[in-house]
Amino acid sequence: MSTDTEILRTVVDHWKSAVDAHDPKLVASYFTDDAIFQGLHPYSIGPESVAAYYDVQPIGMTAHYDIRETKRLADDLILGYLTVDFSFLDRPTVSVYLSLIIRSTPEGWLITHYQVSRLT
C-alpha cells in the first residue's frame, strides 16, 4: 500500500513532466473538472483554465519541487505542501510555496485544489 507522500509524489511527478514538456492539455488532465486553480494570476476553475494558464508559460520553463508535508484530510483527500522552483531559459528562477489537495477519483488521484504564493 502506498503512503500519502508516495501518492502525492506520483501525481506531482505527472504534473511536473507535463509542465516541463510544455504540454498544457496534459497538465490540465491531472486536474478535476471542478478544480480550483490559483497560479500567480487570478484564480480559475476547471481544466480548461489550467490549460490556458500553462499555454502562455514560456517554452523551456521547468519545475523542480520538494514535498514538505502531507496530511490525509479524508479517505479520498490528501493535502500536500511543497516548495517549487520554476526555472526559465531567459530569466531568474521563480520560487513558490504550493499547496495541493488531491482527490481519489475513478480516473485515479487528481488535483482538486492548487494554490501558489511566492517565497519571500
PDB file of N, CA and C in Angstrom:
ATOM      1  N   MET A   1       0.845  -1.188   0.000  1.00  0.00           N
ATOM      2  CA  MET A   1       0.000   0.000   0.000  1.00  0.00           C
ATOM      3  C   MET A   1       0.891   1.252   0.000  1.00  0.00           C
ATOM      4  N   SER A   2       0.550   2.195  -0.828  1.00  0.00           N
ATOM      5  CA  SER A   2       1.337   3.421  -0.958  1.00  0.00           C
ATOM      6  C   SER A   2       1.071   4.370   0.207  1.00  0.00           C
ATOM      7  N   THR A   3       2.111   5.101   0.589  1.00  0.00           N
ATOM      8  CA  THR A   3       1.939   6.130   1.603  1.00  0.00           C
ATOM      9  C   THR A   3       1.343   7.376   0.957  1.00  0.00           C
ATOM     10  N   ASP A   4       0.848   8.277   1.790  1.00  0.00           N
ATOM     11  CA  ASP A   4       0.305   9.539   1.272  1.00  0.00           C
ATOM     12  C   ASP A   4       1.356  10.301   0.471  1.00  0.00           C
ATOM     13  N   THR A   5       2.595  10.305   0.947  1.00  0.00           N
ATOM     14  CA  THR A   5       3.670  11.006   0.247  1.00  0.00           C
ATOM     15  C   THR A   5       3.940  10.365  -1.109  1.00  0.00           C
ATOM     16  N   GLU A   6       3.914   9.031  -1.180  1.00  0.00           N
ATOM     17  CA  GLU A   6       4.128   8.352  -2.459  1.00  0.00           C
ATOM     18  C   GLU A   6       3.002   8.656  -3.448  1.00  0.00           C
ATOM     19  N   ILE A   7       1.756   8.674  -2.958  1.00  0.00           N
ATOM     20  CA  ILE A   7       0.622   9.000  -3.814  1.00  0.00           C
ATOM     21  C   ILE A   7       0.770  10.420  -4.350  1.00  0.00           C
ATOM     22  N   LEU A   8       1.074  11.367  -3.444  1.00  0.00           N
ATOM     23  CA  LEU A   8       1.243  12.757  -3.857  1.00  0.00           C
ATOM     24  C   LEU A   8       2.398  12.891  -4.847  1.00  0.00           C
ATOM     25  N   ARG A   9       3.500  12.230  -4.578  1.00  0.00           N
ATOM     26  CA  ARG A   9       4.673  12.330  -5.459  1.00  0.00           C
ATOM     27  C   ARG A   9       4.328  11.831  -6.868  1.00  0.00           C
ATOM     28  N   THR A  10       3.552  10.773  -6.971  1.00  0.00           N
ATOM     29  CA  THR A  10       3.156  10.263  -8.288  1.00  0.00           C
ATOM     30  C   THR A  10       2.367  11.317  -9.062  1.00  0.00           C
ATOM     31  N   VAL A  11       1.397  11.955  -8.396  1.00  0.00           N
ATOM     32  CA  VAL A  11       0.590  12.995  -9.046  1.00  0.00           C
ATOM     33  C   VAL A  11       1.474  14.178  -9.450  1.00  0.00           C
ATOM     34  N   VAL A  12       2.325  14.631  -8.538  1.00  0.00           N
ATOM     35  CA  VAL A  12       3.167  15.798  -8.815  1.00  0.00           C
ATOM     36  C   VAL A  12       4.210  15.473  -9.889  1.00  0.00           C
ATOM     37  N   ASP A  13       4.717  14.240  -9.912  1.00  0.00           N
ATOM     38  CA  ASP A  13       5.644  13.859 -10.977  1.00  0.00           C
ATOM     39  C   ASP A  13       4.982  13.939 -12.354  1.00  0.00           C
ATOM     40  N   HIS A  14       3.714  13.498 -12.454  1.00  0.00           N
ATOM     41  CA  HIS A  14       2.991  13.607 -13.726  1.00  0.00           C
ATOM     42  C   HIS A  14       2.821  15.075 -14.118  1.00  0.00           C
ATOM     43  N   TRP A  15       2.394  15.908 -13.140  1.00  0.00           N
ATOM     44  CA  TRP A  15       2.226  17.340 -13.390  1.00  0.00           C
ATOM     45  C   TRP A  15       3.544  17.948 -13.867  1.00  0.00           C
ATOM     46  N   LYS A  16       4.639  17.669 -13.143  1.00  0.00           N
ATOM     47  CA  LYS A  16       5.957  18.212 -13.472  1.00  0.00           C
ATOM     48  C   LYS A  16       6.385  17.795 -14.880  1.00  0.00           C
ATOM     49  N   SER A  17       6.198  16.539 -15.212  1.00  0.00           N
ATOM     50  CA  SER A  17       6.583  16.049 -16.535  1.00  0.00           C
ATOM     51  C   SER A  17       5.841  16.803 -17.633  1.00  0.00           C
ATOM     52  N   ALA A  18       4.552  17.043 -17.445  1.00  0.00           N
ATOM     53  CA  ALA A  18       3.755  17.775 -18.441  1.00  0.00           C
ATOM     54  C   ALA A  18       4.157  19.244 -18.495  1.00  0.00           C
ATOM     55  N   VAL A  19       4.435  19.854 -17.335  1.00  0.00           N
ATOM     56  CA  VAL A  19       4.906  21.251 -17.307  1.00  0.00           C
ATOM     57  C   VAL A  19       6.236  21.351 -18.056  1.00  0.00           C
ATOM     58  N   ASP A  20       7.174  20.471 -17.731  1.00  0.00           N
ATOM     59  CA  ASP A  20       8.499  20.507 -18.353  1.00  0.00           C
ATOM     60  C   ASP A  20       8.417  20.303 -19.871  1.00  0.00           C
ATOM     61  N   ALA A  21       7.439  19.528 -20.335  1.00  0.00           N
ATOM     62  CA  ALA A  21       7.263  19.254 -21.763  1.00  0.00           C
ATOM     63  C   ALA A  21       6.453  20.343 -22.465  1.00  0.00           C
ATOM     64  N   HIS A  22       6.007  21.336 -21.710  1.00  0.00           N
ATOM     65  CA  HIS A  22       5.133  22.405 -22.220  1.00  0.00           C
ATOM     66  C   HIS A  22       3.938  21.797 -22.971  1.00  0.00           C
ATOM     67  N   ASP A  23       3.206  20.946 -22.224  1.00  0.00           N
ATOM     68  CA  ASP A  23       2.020  20.281 -22.770  1.00  0.00           C
ATOM     69  C   ASP A  23       0.813  20.682 -21.922  1.00  0.00           C
ATOM     70  N   PRO A  24       0.234  21.878 -22.181  1.00  0.00           N
ATOM     71  CA  PRO A  24      -0.842  22.403 -21.340  1.00  0.00           C
ATOM     72  C   PRO A  24      -2.049  21.478 -21.214  1.00  0.00           C
ATOM     73  N   LYS A  25      -2.416  20.795 -22.285  1.00  0.00           N
ATOM     74  CA  LYS A  25      -3.566  19.888 -22.203  1.00  0.00           C
ATOM     75  C   LYS A  25      -3.269  18.704 -21.301  1.00  0.00           C
ATOM     76  N   LEU A  26      -2.045  18.211 -21.347  1.00  0.00           N
ATOM     77  CA  LEU A  26      -1.667  17.108 -20.460  1.00  0.00           C
ATOM     78  C   LEU A  26      -1.630  17.587 -19.012  1.00  0.00           C
ATOM     79  N   VAL A  27      -1.080  18.778 -18.772  1.00  0.00           N
ATOM     80  CA  VAL A  27      -1.104  19.339 -17.411  1.00  0.00           C
ATOM     81  C   VAL A  27      -2.541  19.366 -16.903  1.00  0.00           C
ATOM     82  N   ALA A  28      -3.450  19.888 -17.709  1.00  0.00           N
ATOM     83  CA  ALA A  28      -4.855  20.032 -17.306  1.00  0.00           C
ATOM     84  C   ALA A  28      -5.518  18.690 -17.028  1.00  0.00           C
ATOM     85  N   SER A  29      -5.043  17.629 -17.670  1.00  0.00           N
ATOM     86  CA  SER A  29      -5.657  16.317 -17.474  1.00  0.00           C
ATOM     87  C   SER A  29      -5.434  15.766 -16.067  1.00  0.00           C
ATOM     88  N   TYR A  30      -4.551  16.365 -15.309  1.00  0.00           N
ATOM     89  CA  TYR A  30      -4.281  15.932 -13.942  1.00  0.00           C
ATOM     90  C   TYR A  30      -5.116  16.687 -12.911  1.00  0.00           C
ATOM     91  N   PHE A  31      -6.099  17.467 -13.389  1.00  0.00           N
ATOM     92  CA  PHE A  31      -6.978  18.253 -12.524  1.00  0.00           C
ATOM     93  C   PHE A  31      -8.419  17.760 -12.648  1.00  0.00           C
ATOM     94  N   THR A  32      -9.172  17.862 -11.550  1.00  0.00           N
ATOM     95  CA  THR A  32     -10.586  17.505 -11.580  1.00  0.00           C
ATOM     96  C   THR A  32     -11.369  18.554 -12.353  1.00  0.00           C
ATOM     97  N   ASP A  33     -12.571  18.183 -12.783  1.00  0.00           N
ATOM     98  CA  ASP A  33     -13.422  19.109 -13.541  1.00  0.00           C
ATOM     99  C   ASP A  33     -13.773  20.362 -12.758  1.00  0.00           C
ATOM    100  N   ASP A  34     -13.806  20.259 -11.423  1.00  0.00           N
ATOM    101  CA  ASP A  34     -14.171  21.396 -10.577  1.00  0.00           C
ATOM    102  C   ASP A  34     -12.978  21.969  -9.809  1.00  0.00           C
ATOM    103  N   ALA A  35     -11.767  21.681 -10.285  1.00  0.00           N
ATOM    104  CA  ALA A  35     -10.556  22.115  -9.577  1.00  0.00           C
ATOM    105  C   ALA A  35     -10.497  23.632  -9.452  1.00  0.00           C
ATOM    106  N   ILE A  36     -10.110  24.082  -8.274  1.00  0.00           N
ATOM    107  CA  ILE A  36      -9.801  25.499  -8.051  1.00  0.00           C
ATOM    108  C   ILE A  36      -8.302  25.655  -8.301  1.00  0.00           C
ATOM    109  N   PHE A  37      -7.944  26.562  -9.207  1.00  0.00           N
ATOM    110  CA  PHE A  37      -6.561  26.754  -9.613  1.00  0.00           C
ATOM    111  C   PHE A  37      -6.153  28.195  -9.347  1.00  0.00           C
ATOM    112  N   GLN A  38      -5.135  28.364  -8.512  1.00  0.00           N
ATOM    113  CA  GLN A  38      -4.600  29.693  -8.212  1.00  0.00           C
ATOM    114  C   GLN A  38      -3.109  29.669  -8.484  1.00  0.00           C
ATOM    115  N   GLY A  39      -2.727  30.098  -9.698  1.00  0.00           N
ATOM    116  CA  GLY A  39      -1.317  30.276 -10.006  1.00  0.00           C
ATOM    117  C   GLY A  39      -0.909  31.655  -9.507  1.00  0.00           C
ATOM    118  N   LEU A  40      -0.025  32.311 -10.231  1.00  0.00           N
ATOM    119  CA  LEU A  40       0.388  33.665  -9.835  1.00  0.00           C
ATOM    120  C   LEU A  40      -0.499  34.730 -10.469  1.00  0.00           C
ATOM    121  N   HIS A  41      -1.630  34.310 -11.021  1.00  0.00           N
ATOM    122  CA  HIS A  41      -2.626  35.205 -11.610  1.00  0.00           C
ATOM    123  C   HIS A  41      -3.960  34.906 -10.935  1.00  0.00           C
ATOM    124  N   PRO A  42      -5.001  35.656 -11.227  1.00  0.00           N
ATOM    125  CA  PRO A  42      -6.306  35.401 -10.595  1.00  0.00           C
ATOM    126  C   PRO A  42      -6.745  33.952 -10.761  1.00  0.00           C
ATOM    127  N   TYR A  43      -7.496  33.481  -9.778  1.00  0.00           N
ATOM    128  CA  TYR A  43      -7.889  32.073  -9.755  1.00  0.00           C
ATOM    129  C   TYR A  43      -8.862  31.740 -10.866  1.00  0.00           C
ATOM    130  N   SER A  44      -8.977  30.444 -11.134  1.00  0.00           N
ATOM    131  CA  SER A  44      -9.907  29.951 -12.140  1.00  0.00           C
ATOM    132  C   SER A  44     -10.409  28.573 -11.701  1.00  0.00           C
ATOM    133  N   ILE A  45     -11.376  28.069 -12.438  1.00  0.00           N
ATOM    134  CA  ILE A  45     -11.977  26.778 -12.120  1.00  0.00           C
ATOM    135  C   ILE A  45     -11.889  25.868 -13.335  1.00  0.00           C
ATOM    136  N   GLY A  46     -11.458  24.642 -13.122  1.00  0.00           N
ATOM    137  CA  GLY A  46     -11.522  23.603 -14.136  1.00  0.00           C
ATOM    138  C   GLY A  46     -10.314  23.464 -15.030  1.00  0.00           C
ATOM    139  N   PRO A  47     -10.223  22.317 -15.694  1.00  0.00           N
ATOM    140  CA  PRO A  47      -9.060  22.003 -16.533  1.00  0.00           C
ATOM    141  C   PRO A  47      -8.820  22.955 -17.697  1.00  0.00           C
ATOM    142  N   GLU A  48      -9.887  23.487 -18.307  1.00  0.00           N
ATOM    143  CA  GLU A  48      -9.667  24.388 -19.446  1.00  0.00           C
ATOM    144  C   GLU A  48      -8.871  25.619 -19.020  1.00  0.00           C
ATOM    145  N   SER A  49      -9.188  26.140 -17.845  1.00  0.00           N
ATOM    146  CA  SER A  49      -8.459  27.320 -17.372  1.00  0.00           C
ATOM    147  C   SER A  49      -7.020  26.966 -16.990  1.00  0.00           C
ATOM    148  N   VAL A  50      -6.801  25.746 -16.500  1.00  0.00           N
ATOM    149  CA  VAL A  50      -5.442  25.292 -16.196  1.00  0.00           C
ATOM    150  C   VAL A  50      -4.633  25.221 -17.499  1.00  0.00           C
ATOM    151  N   ALA A  51      -5.234  24.639 -18.533  1.00  0.00           N
ATOM    152  CA  ALA A  51      -4.552  24.550 -19.829  1.00  0.00           C
ATOM    153  C   ALA A  51      -4.233  25.938 -20.373  1.00  0.00           C
ATOM    154  N   ALA A  52      -5.168  26.862 -20.249  1.00  0.00           N
ATOM    155  CA  ALA A  52      -4.940  28.231 -20.735  1.00  0.00           C
ATOM    156  C   ALA A  52      -3.786  28.886 -19.978  1.00  0.00           C
ATOM    157  N   TYR A  53      -3.720  28.673 -18.667  1.00  0.00           N
ATOM    158  CA  TYR A  53      -2.647  29.241 -17.842  1.00  0.00           C
ATOM    159  C   TYR A  53      -1.282  28.728 -18.312  1.00  0.00           C
ATOM    160  N   TYR A  54      -1.172  27.408 -18.474  1.00  0.00           N
ATOM    161  CA  TYR A  54       0.119  26.826 -18.848  1.00  0.00           C
ATOM    162  C   TYR A  54       0.456  27.046 -20.312  1.00  0.00           C
ATOM    163  N   ASP A  55      -0.534  27.281 -21.146  1.00  0.00           N
ATOM    164  CA  ASP A  55      -0.287  27.527 -22.563  1.00  0.00           C
ATOM    165  C   ASP A  55       0.530  28.796 -22.786  1.00  0.00           C
ATOM    166  N   VAL A  56       0.359  29.789 -21.929  1.00  0.00           N
ATOM    167  CA  VAL A  56       1.088  31.052 -22.099  1.00  0.00           C
ATOM    168  C   VAL A  56       2.416  31.088 -21.336  1.00  0.00           C
ATOM    169  N   GLN A  57       2.752  29.994 -20.653  1.00  0.00           N
ATOM    170  CA  GLN A  57       4.047  29.946 -19.978  1.00  0.00           C
ATOM    171  C   GLN A  57       5.138  29.745 -21.019  1.00  0.00           C
ATOM    172  N   PRO A  58       6.320  30.276 -20.776  1.00  0.00           N
ATOM    173  CA  PRO A  58       7.376  30.217 -21.791  1.00  0.00           C
ATOM    174  C   PRO A  58       7.893  28.792 -22.040  1.00  0.00           C
ATOM    175  N   ILE A  59       8.212  28.526 -23.300  1.00  0.00           N
ATOM    176  CA  ILE A  59       8.867  27.277 -23.663  1.00  0.00           C
ATOM    177  C   ILE A  59      10.176  27.195 -22.878  1.00  0.00           C
ATOM    178  N   GLY A  60      10.465  26.039 -22.346  1.00  0.00           N
ATOM    179  CA  GLY A  60      11.690  25.859 -21.575  1.00  0.00           C
ATOM    180  C   GLY A  60      11.514  26.006 -20.078  1.00  0.00           C
ATOM    181  N   MET A  61      10.313  26.425 -19.626  1.00  0.00           N
ATOM    182  CA  MET A  61      10.067  26.502 -18.185  1.00  0.00           C
ATOM    183  C   MET A  61      10.016  25.083 -17.620  1.00  0.00           C
ATOM    184  N   THR A  62      10.710  24.892 -16.513  1.00  0.00           N
ATOM    185  CA  THR A  62      10.698  23.598 -15.839  1.00  0.00           C
ATOM    186  C   THR A  62      10.399  23.796 -14.359  1.00  0.00           C
ATOM    187  N   ALA A  63       9.890  22.741 -13.737  1.00  0.00           N
ATOM    188  CA  ALA A  63       9.533  22.790 -12.317  1.00  0.00           C
ATOM    189  C   ALA A  63      10.382  21.790 -11.543  1.00  0.00           C
ATOM    190  N   HIS A  64      10.913  22.243 -10.429  1.00  0.00           N
ATOM    191  CA  HIS A  64      11.671  21.385  -9.516  1.00  0.00           C
ATOM    192  C   HIS A  64      11.033  21.541  -8.142  1.00  0.00           C
ATOM    193  N   TYR A  65      10.598  20.434  -7.558  1.00  0.00           N
ATOM    194  CA  TYR A  65       9.813  20.535  -6.331  1.00  0.00           C
ATOM    195  C   TYR A  65      10.400  19.709  -5.191  1.00  0.00           C
ATOM    196  N   ASP A  66       9.953  20.084  -3.992  1.00  0.00           N
ATOM    197  CA  ASP A  66      10.284  19.342  -2.771  1.00  0.00           C
ATOM    198  C   ASP A  66       9.011  19.260  -1.935  1.00  0.00           C
ATOM    199  N   ILE A  67       8.581  18.055  -1.614  1.00  0.00           N
ATOM    200  CA  ILE A  67       7.412  17.884  -0.757  1.00  0.00           C
ATOM    201  C   ILE A  67       7.837  18.146   0.679  1.00  0.00           C
ATOM    202  N   ARG A  68       7.182  19.092   1.331  1.00  0.00           N
ATOM    203  CA  ARG A  68       7.494  19.444   2.714  1.00  0.00           C
ATOM    204  C   ARG A  68       6.618  18.696   3.710  1.00  0.00           C
ATOM    205  N   GLU A  69       5.326  18.602   3.404  1.00  0.00           N
ATOM    206  CA  GLU A  69       4.372  17.958   4.314  1.00  0.00           C
ATOM    207  C   GLU A  69       3.255  17.315   3.512  1.00  0.00           C
ATOM    208  N   THR A  70       2.684  16.263   4.078  1.00  0.00           N
ATOM    209  CA  THR A  70       1.439  15.698   3.565  1.00  0.00           C
ATOM    210  C   THR A  70       0.522  15.459   4.753  1.00  0.00           C
ATOM    211  N   LYS A  71      -0.776  15.494   4.480  1.00  0.00           N
ATOM    212  CA  LYS A  71      -1.755  15.252   5.530  1.00  0.00           C
ATOM    213  C   LYS A  71      -2.992  14.631   4.893  1.00  0.00           C
ATOM    214  N   ARG A  72      -3.441  13.518   5.432  1.00  0.00           N
ATOM    215  CA  ARG A  72      -4.661  12.869   4.933  1.00  0.00           C
ATOM    216  C   ARG A  72      -5.849  13.616   5.532  1.00  0.00           C
ATOM    217  N   LEU A  73      -6.640  14.234   4.671  1.00  0.00           N
ATOM    218  CA  LEU A  73      -7.799  15.005   5.116  1.00  0.00           C
ATOM    219  C   LEU A  73      -9.048  14.136   5.232  1.00  0.00           C
ATOM    220  N   ALA A  74      -9.143  13.116   4.385  1.00  0.00           N
ATOM    221  CA  ALA A  74     -10.255  12.159   4.369  1.00  0.00           C
ATOM    222  C   ALA A  74      -9.764  10.950   3.585  1.00  0.00           C
ATOM    223  N   ASP A  75     -10.568   9.902   3.520  1.00  0.00           N
ATOM    224  CA  ASP A  75     -10.138   8.713   2.787  1.00  0.00           C
ATOM    225  C   ASP A  75      -9.745   9.028   1.352  1.00  0.00           C
ATOM    226  N   ASP A  76     -10.421  10.006   0.738  1.00  0.00           N
ATOM    227  CA  ASP A  76     -10.196  10.311  -0.673  1.00  0.00           C
ATOM    228  C   ASP A  76      -9.508  11.649  -0.909  1.00  0.00           C
ATOM    229  N   LEU A  77      -8.941  12.256   0.147  1.00  0.00           N
ATOM    230  CA  LEU A  77      -8.294  13.568   0.006  1.00  0.00           C
ATOM    231  C   LEU A  77      -6.941  13.601   0.710  1.00  0.00           C
ATOM    232  N   ILE A  78      -5.938  14.099   0.001  1.00  0.00           N
ATOM    233  CA  ILE A  78      -4.604  14.295   0.595  1.00  0.00           C
ATOM    234  C   ILE A  78      -4.176  15.729   0.327  1.00  0.00           C
ATOM    235  N   LEU A  79      -3.710  16.397   1.377  1.00  0.00           N
ATOM    236  CA  LEU A  79      -3.143  17.738   1.279  1.00  0.00           C
ATOM    237  C   LEU A  79      -1.636  17.611   1.144  1.00  0.00           C
ATOM    238  N   GLY A  80      -1.081  18.369   0.223  1.00  0.00           N
ATOM    239  CA  GLY A  80       0.364  18.423   0.078  1.00  0.00           C
ATOM    240  C   GLY A  80       0.843  19.856   0.166  1.00  0.00           C
ATOM    241  N   TYR A  81       1.973  20.041   0.831  1.00  0.00           N
ATOM    242  CA  TYR A  81       2.602  21.353   0.927  1.00  0.00           C
ATOM    243  C   TYR A  81       4.013  21.208   0.371  1.00  0.00           C
ATOM    244  N   LEU A  82       4.336  22.007  -0.649  1.00  0.00           N
ATOM    245  CA  LEU A  82       5.589  21.865  -1.361  1.00  0.00           C
ATOM    246  C   LEU A  82       6.260  23.214  -1.566  1.00  0.00           C
ATOM    247  N   THR A  83       7.538  23.159  -1.887  1.00  0.00           N
ATOM    248  CA  THR A  83       8.215  24.305  -2.476  1.00  0.00           C
ATOM    249  C   THR A  83       8.515  23.921  -3.916  1.00  0.00           C
ATOM    250  N   VAL A  84       8.384  24.889  -4.809  1.00  0.00           N
ATOM    251  CA  VAL A  84       8.629  24.641  -6.232  1.00  0.00           C
ATOM    252  C   VAL A  84       9.474  25.780  -6.786  1.00  0.00           C
ATOM    253  N   ASP A  85      10.503  25.417  -7.529  1.00  0.00           N
ATOM    254  CA  ASP A  85      11.314  26.382  -8.279  1.00  0.00           C
ATOM    255  C   ASP A  85      10.971  26.226  -9.749  1.00  0.00           C
ATOM    256  N   PHE A  86      10.430  27.290 -10.342  1.00  0.00           N
ATOM    257  CA  PHE A  86      10.174  27.313 -11.774  1.00  0.00           C
ATOM    258  C   PHE A  86      11.370  27.980 -12.435  1.00  0.00           C
ATOM    259  N   SER A  87      12.083  27.218 -13.256  1.00  0.00           N
ATOM    260  CA  SER A  87      13.278  27.718 -13.930  1.00  0.00           C
ATOM    261  C   SER A  87      12.937  28.058 -15.375  1.00  0.00           C
ATOM    262  N   PHE A  88      13.634  29.071 -15.894  1.00  0.00           N
ATOM    263  CA  PHE A  88      13.394  29.584 -17.244  1.00  0.00           C
ATOM    264  C   PHE A  88      14.718  29.666 -17.991  1.00  0.00           C
ATOM    265  N   LEU A  89      14.635  29.740 -19.302  1.00  0.00           N
ATOM    266  CA  LEU A  89      15.837  29.858 -20.117  1.00  0.00           C
ATOM    267  C   LEU A  89      16.407  31.268 -20.112  1.00  0.00           C
ATOM    268  N   ASP A  90      15.543  32.279 -19.896  1.00  0.00           N
ATOM    269  CA  ASP A  90      15.955  33.660 -20.118  1.00  0.00           C
ATOM    270  C   ASP A  90      15.647  34.609 -18.965  1.00  0.00           C
ATOM    271  N   ARG A  91      15.344  34.065 -17.790  1.00  0.00           N
ATOM    272  CA  ARG A  91      15.033  34.927 -16.638  1.00  0.00           C
ATOM    273  C   ARG A  91      15.311  34.173 -15.349  1.00  0.00           C
ATOM    274  N   PRO A  92      15.337  34.884 -14.238  1.00  0.00           N
ATOM    275  CA  PRO A  92      15.624  34.227 -12.966  1.00  0.00           C
ATOM    276  C   PRO A  92      14.538  33.212 -12.572  1.00  0.00           C
ATOM    277  N   THR A  93      14.941  32.266 -11.777  1.00  0.00           N
ATOM    278  CA  THR A  93      14.035  31.255 -11.227  1.00  0.00           C
ATOM    279  C   THR A  93      12.995  31.917 -10.335  1.00  0.00           C
ATOM    280  N   VAL A  94      11.768  31.425 -10.400  1.00  0.00           N
ATOM    281  CA  VAL A  94      10.686  31.875  -9.522  1.00  0.00           C
ATOM    282  C   VAL A  94      10.422  30.757  -8.517  1.00  0.00           C
ATOM    283  N   SER A  95      10.562  31.084  -7.238  1.00  0.00           N
ATOM    284  CA  SER A  95      10.348  30.106  -6.169  1.00  0.00           C
ATOM    285  C   SER A  95       9.020  30.377  -5.490  1.00  0.00           C
ATOM    286  N   VAL A  96       8.240  29.313  -5.292  1.00  0.00           N
ATOM    287  CA  VAL A  96       6.906  29.453  -4.711  1.00  0.00           C
ATOM    288  C   VAL A  96       6.662  28.364  -3.680  1.00  0.00           C
ATOM    289  N   TYR A  97       5.698  28.641  -2.797  1.00  0.00           N
ATOM    290  CA  TYR A  97       5.077  27.608  -1.981  1.00  0.00           C
ATOM    291  C   TYR A  97       3.886  27.101  -2.772  1.00  0.00           C
ATOM    292  N   LEU A  98       3.619  25.810  -2.734  1.00  0.00           N
ATOM    293  CA  LEU A  98       2.484  25.230  -3.431  1.00  0.00           C
ATOM    294  C   LEU A  98       1.702  24.354  -2.469  1.00  0.00           C
ATOM    295  N   SER A  99       0.435  24.660  -2.309  1.00  0.00           N
ATOM    296  CA  SER A  99      -0.484  23.806  -1.555  1.00  0.00           C
ATOM    297  C   SER A  99      -1.395  23.114  -2.550  1.00  0.00           C
ATOM    298  N   LEU A 100      -1.479  21.805  -2.428  1.00  0.00           N
ATOM    299  CA  LEU A 100      -2.317  20.996  -3.306  1.00  0.00           C
ATOM    300  C   LEU A 100      -3.263  20.154  -2.468  1.00  0.00           C
ATOM    301  N   ILE A 101      -4.452  19.944  -2.972  1.00  0.00           N
ATOM    302  CA  ILE A 101      -5.313  18.890  -2.452  1.00  0.00           C
ATOM    303  C   ILE A 101      -5.577  17.976  -3.627  1.00  0.00           C
ATOM    304  N   ILE A 102      -5.258  16.696  -3.438  1.00  0.00           N
ATOM    305  CA  ILE A 102      -5.547  15.721  -4.474  1.00  0.00           C
ATOM    306  C   ILE A 102      -6.691  14.839  -3.990  1.00  0.00           C
ATOM    307  N   ARG A 103      -7.494  14.391  -4.964  1.00  0.00           N
ATOM    308  CA  ARG A 103      -8.681  13.598  -4.635  1.00  0.00           C
ATOM    309  C   ARG A 103      -8.650  12.294  -5.422  1.00  0.00           C
ATOM    310  N   SER A 104      -9.023  11.220  -4.755  1.00  0.00           N
ATOM    311  CA  SER A 104      -9.152   9.933  -5.422  1.00  0.00           C
ATOM    312  C   SER A 104     -10.443   9.940  -6.240  1.00  0.00           C
ATOM    313  N   THR A 105     -10.311   9.645  -7.532  1.00  0.00           N
ATOM    314  CA  THR A 105     -11.455   9.614  -8.444  1.00  0.00           C
ATOM    315  C   THR A 105     -11.432   8.273  -9.174  1.00  0.00           C
ATOM    316  N   PRO A 106     -12.489   7.947  -9.899  1.00  0.00           N
ATOM    317  CA  PRO A 106     -12.440   6.722 -10.706  1.00  0.00           C
ATOM    318  C   PRO A 106     -11.289   6.708 -11.716  1.00  0.00           C
ATOM    319  N   GLU A 107     -10.817   7.895 -12.125  1.00  0.00           N
ATOM    320  CA  GLU A 107      -9.690   8.007 -13.065  1.00  0.00           C
ATOM    321  C   GLU A 107      -8.337   7.966 -12.357  1.00  0.00           C
ATOM    322  N   GLY A 108      -8.324   7.933 -11.041  1.00  0.00           N
ATOM    323  CA  GLY A 108      -7.093   7.969 -10.258  1.00  0.00           C
ATOM    324  C   GLY A 108      -7.047   9.231  -9.411  1.00  0.00           C
ATOM    325  N   TRP A 109      -5.908   9.477  -8.788  1.00  0.00           N
ATOM    326  CA  TRP A 109      -5.732  10.668  -7.965  1.00  0.00           C
ATOM    327  C   TRP A 109      -5.525  11.875  -8.869  1.00  0.00           C
ATOM    328  N   LEU A 110      -6.332  12.930  -8.653  1.00  0.00           N
ATOM    329  CA  LEU A 110      -6.250  14.155  -9.438  1.00  0.00           C
ATOM    330  C   LEU A 110      -6.197  15.370  -8.521  1.00  0.00           C
ATOM    331  N   ILE A 111      -5.668  16.469  -9.040  1.00  0.00           N
ATOM    332  CA  ILE A 111      -5.568  17.717  -8.284  1.00  0.00           C
ATOM    333  C   ILE A 111      -6.932  18.396  -8.286  1.00  0.00           C
ATOM    334  N   THR A 112      -7.436  18.711  -7.093  1.00  0.00           N
ATOM    335  CA  THR A 112      -8.722  19.399  -6.975  1.00  0.00           C
ATOM    336  C   THR A 112      -8.564  20.820  -6.435  1.00  0.00           C
ATOM    337  N   HIS A 113      -7.391  21.112  -5.892  1.00  0.00           N
ATOM    338  CA  HIS A 113      -7.093  22.471  -5.407  1.00  0.00           C
ATOM    339  C   HIS A 113      -5.597  22.698  -5.580  1.00  0.00           C
ATOM    340  N   TYR A 114      -5.238  23.878  -6.139  1.00  0.00           N
ATOM    341  CA  TYR A 114      -3.850  24.220  -6.427  1.00  0.00           C
ATOM    342  C   TYR A 114      -3.699  25.696  -6.111  1.00  0.00           C
ATOM    343  N   GLN A 115      -2.796  26.016  -5.179  1.00  0.00           N
ATOM    344  CA  GLN A 115      -2.590  27.421  -4.834  1.00  0.00           C
ATOM    345  C   GLN A 115      -1.121  27.681  -4.570  1.00  0.00           C
ATOM    346  N   VAL A 116      -0.581  28.687  -5.262  1.00  0.00           N
ATOM    347  CA  VAL A 116       0.811  29.069  -5.055  1.00  0.00           C
ATOM    348  C   VAL A 116       0.897  30.456  -4.429  1.00  0.00           C
ATOM    349  N   SER A 117       1.991  30.665  -3.718  1.00  0.00           N
ATOM    350  CA  SER A 117       2.346  32.002  -3.236  1.00  0.00           C
ATOM    351  C   SER A 117       3.866  32.097  -3.342  1.00  0.00           C
ATOM    352  N   ARG A 118       4.342  33.300  -3.616  1.00  0.00           N
ATOM    353  CA  ARG A 118       5.787  33.489  -3.775  1.00  0.00           C
ATOM    354  C   ARG A 118       6.518  33.343  -2.440  1.00  0.00           C
ATOM    355  N   LEU A 119       7.716  32.789  -2.520  1.00  0.00           N
ATOM    356  CA  LEU A 119       8.602  32.754  -1.368  1.00  0.00           C
ATOM    357  C   LEU A 119       9.141  34.161  -1.153  1.00  0.00           C
ATOM    358  N   THR A 120       9.292  34.544   0.080  1.00  0.00           N
ATOM    359  CA  THR A 120       9.852  35.869   0.343  1.00  0.00           C
ATOM    360  C   THR A 120      11.174  35.766   1.042  1.00  0.00           C
TER     361      THR A 120
END
